[in-house]
Every structure is written in C-alpha cells, then in structure tokens.
Protein backbone atom coordinates (compact mmCIF):
# COMPACT_ATOMS: atom_id res chain seq x y z
CA MET A 1 -14.79 2.60 -6.18
CA ILE A 2 -13.08 -0.73 -5.66
CA ASP A 3 -9.37 -0.71 -4.86
CA GLY A 4 -7.26 -3.08 -6.91
CA ARG A 5 -5.11 -5.92 -5.68
CA GLN A 6 -2.46 -4.80 -3.22
CA TYR A 7 -1.05 -7.46 -0.94
CA THR A 8 -2.03 -6.87 2.72
CA TYR A 9 -4.29 -3.90 1.75
CA SER A 10 -7.00 -4.97 -0.69
CA ARG A 11 -7.86 -7.97 -2.81
CA GLY A 12 -9.76 -6.20 -5.60
CA MET A 13 -12.72 -7.75 -7.45
CA ARG A 14 -13.18 -9.80 -10.57
CA PHE A 15 -15.84 -8.61 -13.05
CA ASP A 16 -18.35 -11.25 -11.92
CA GLU A 17 -17.84 -10.25 -8.26
CA LEU A 18 -18.29 -6.59 -9.15
CA ALA A 19 -21.51 -7.36 -11.05
CA ARG A 20 -22.96 -9.23 -8.07
CA PHE A 21 -21.86 -6.44 -5.71
CA VAL A 22 -23.53 -3.60 -7.63
CA ARG A 23 -26.67 -5.71 -8.13
CA LYS A 24 -26.80 -6.30 -4.37
CA LEU A 25 -26.65 -2.51 -3.91
CA GLY A 26 -29.68 -2.20 -6.19
CA ALA A 27 -27.93 -0.89 -9.29
CA TYR A 28 -29.31 -1.70 -12.71
CA ASP A 29 -26.39 -0.24 -14.68
CA ALA A 30 -22.74 0.14 -13.74
CA ALA A 31 -19.48 1.09 -15.44
CA ASN A 32 -16.01 -0.31 -14.94
CA LEU A 33 -13.49 2.39 -15.81
CA ASP A 34 -10.53 0.19 -14.85
CA GLY A 35 -8.63 2.95 -13.13
CA GLY A 36 -5.92 0.65 -11.87
CA GLY A 37 -3.22 2.27 -9.77
CA SER A 38 -4.14 5.74 -10.96
CA ALA A 39 -7.64 5.58 -9.46
CA THR A 40 -7.79 7.95 -6.51
CA LEU A 41 -10.77 8.59 -4.24
CA VAL A 42 -10.61 11.94 -2.47
CA HIS A 43 -13.00 13.09 0.24
CA ARG A 44 -13.55 16.72 1.26
CA GLN A 45 -14.39 17.10 4.94
CA ALA A 46 -16.83 19.64 6.35
CA ASN A 47 -13.92 21.97 7.24
CA GLY A 48 -12.74 21.97 3.58
CA ASP A 49 -9.71 19.74 4.09
CA THR A 50 -9.29 16.88 1.63
CA HIS A 51 -7.70 13.47 2.03
CA VAL A 52 -7.13 10.43 -0.17
CA VAL A 53 -9.38 7.59 0.99
CA ASN A 54 -7.86 4.67 -0.93
CA SER A 55 -4.30 3.51 -1.53
CA THR A 56 -2.87 4.52 -4.88
CA ILE A 57 0.04 2.61 -6.39
CA HIS A 58 2.61 3.56 -9.03
CA GLN A 59 5.64 1.55 -10.15
CA ARG A 60 4.66 -1.09 -7.57
CA ILE A 61 5.05 1.42 -4.73
CA PRO A 62 1.86 1.60 -2.59
CA GLY A 63 0.79 5.13 -1.66
CA ARG A 64 2.60 6.67 -4.63
CA GLU A 65 0.28 8.56 -6.99
CA ARG A 66 0.53 7.92 -10.72
CA PRO A 67 0.85 11.12 -12.80
CA VAL A 68 -2.13 11.21 -15.19
CA ALA A 69 -3.55 14.02 -17.27
CA ASN A 70 -7.26 13.22 -16.99
CA HIS A 71 -9.88 12.69 -14.33
CA LEU A 72 -13.53 12.02 -13.69
CA GLY A 73 -14.86 14.16 -10.90
CA ILE A 74 -18.15 13.63 -9.12
CA ARG A 75 -19.30 16.29 -6.73
CA VAL A 76 -22.04 15.62 -4.23
CA GLY A 77 -23.45 18.49 -2.24
CA THR A 78 -26.62 20.04 -0.97
CA GLU A 79 -28.78 22.43 -2.97
CA SER A 80 -27.83 25.26 -0.62
CA GLU A 81 -24.11 24.62 -1.28
CA SER A 82 -24.71 24.82 -5.04
CA THR A 83 -26.73 28.03 -4.65
CA LEU A 84 -24.03 29.62 -2.49
CA GLU A 85 -21.32 28.78 -5.03
CA SER A 86 -23.29 30.09 -8.01
CA ASP A 87 -24.13 33.29 -6.11
CA ALA A 88 -20.41 33.81 -5.41
CA ARG A 89 -19.53 33.77 -9.13
C-alpha cells in the first residue's frame, strides 16, 4: 500500500512511479485500487492487538478515518493458525 500525498508525511506515487516500484519488487501484475484517504492499513501484532500503520485522512484532517461501507481484507497467517481457527468453529 502506498500512502497518498500528505504534506510532511508522504508524497504518494504517480502511476509510472508505482509501475516501476512493483516491477522492481518482481511483480508481473499489480492493481491500483485508488483508495485515497479511505485506504487504511491495519496490522495485528502477535499479542492480538491491532494498530493502523498508515495515516488516513478525511475532510483534509490527517489521522481522521473516512467512514466507508466496504473493504478489501487480506489475511496472512501460518497453516497452523488456519487449522486452529477452523478447528474452533
């Protein structure tokens, strides 16, 4: 995830910069979902606590989350974590 332009925090990326960046990482395909200020990256720590990693922005106020009704969630875990969760159901 690339944070958008927020003065003193992040400069964002143009499409051509993003293309070069993902190519450098070895990607063949990539998607730009243009999340804008509503894009939020959340990390769950080993103890289960979560925290927002990036800086959201709403109504030009940095750190303020934009209320949206949809999301794209990507969960990364070990096989043993998946097995434990399915066994608990």
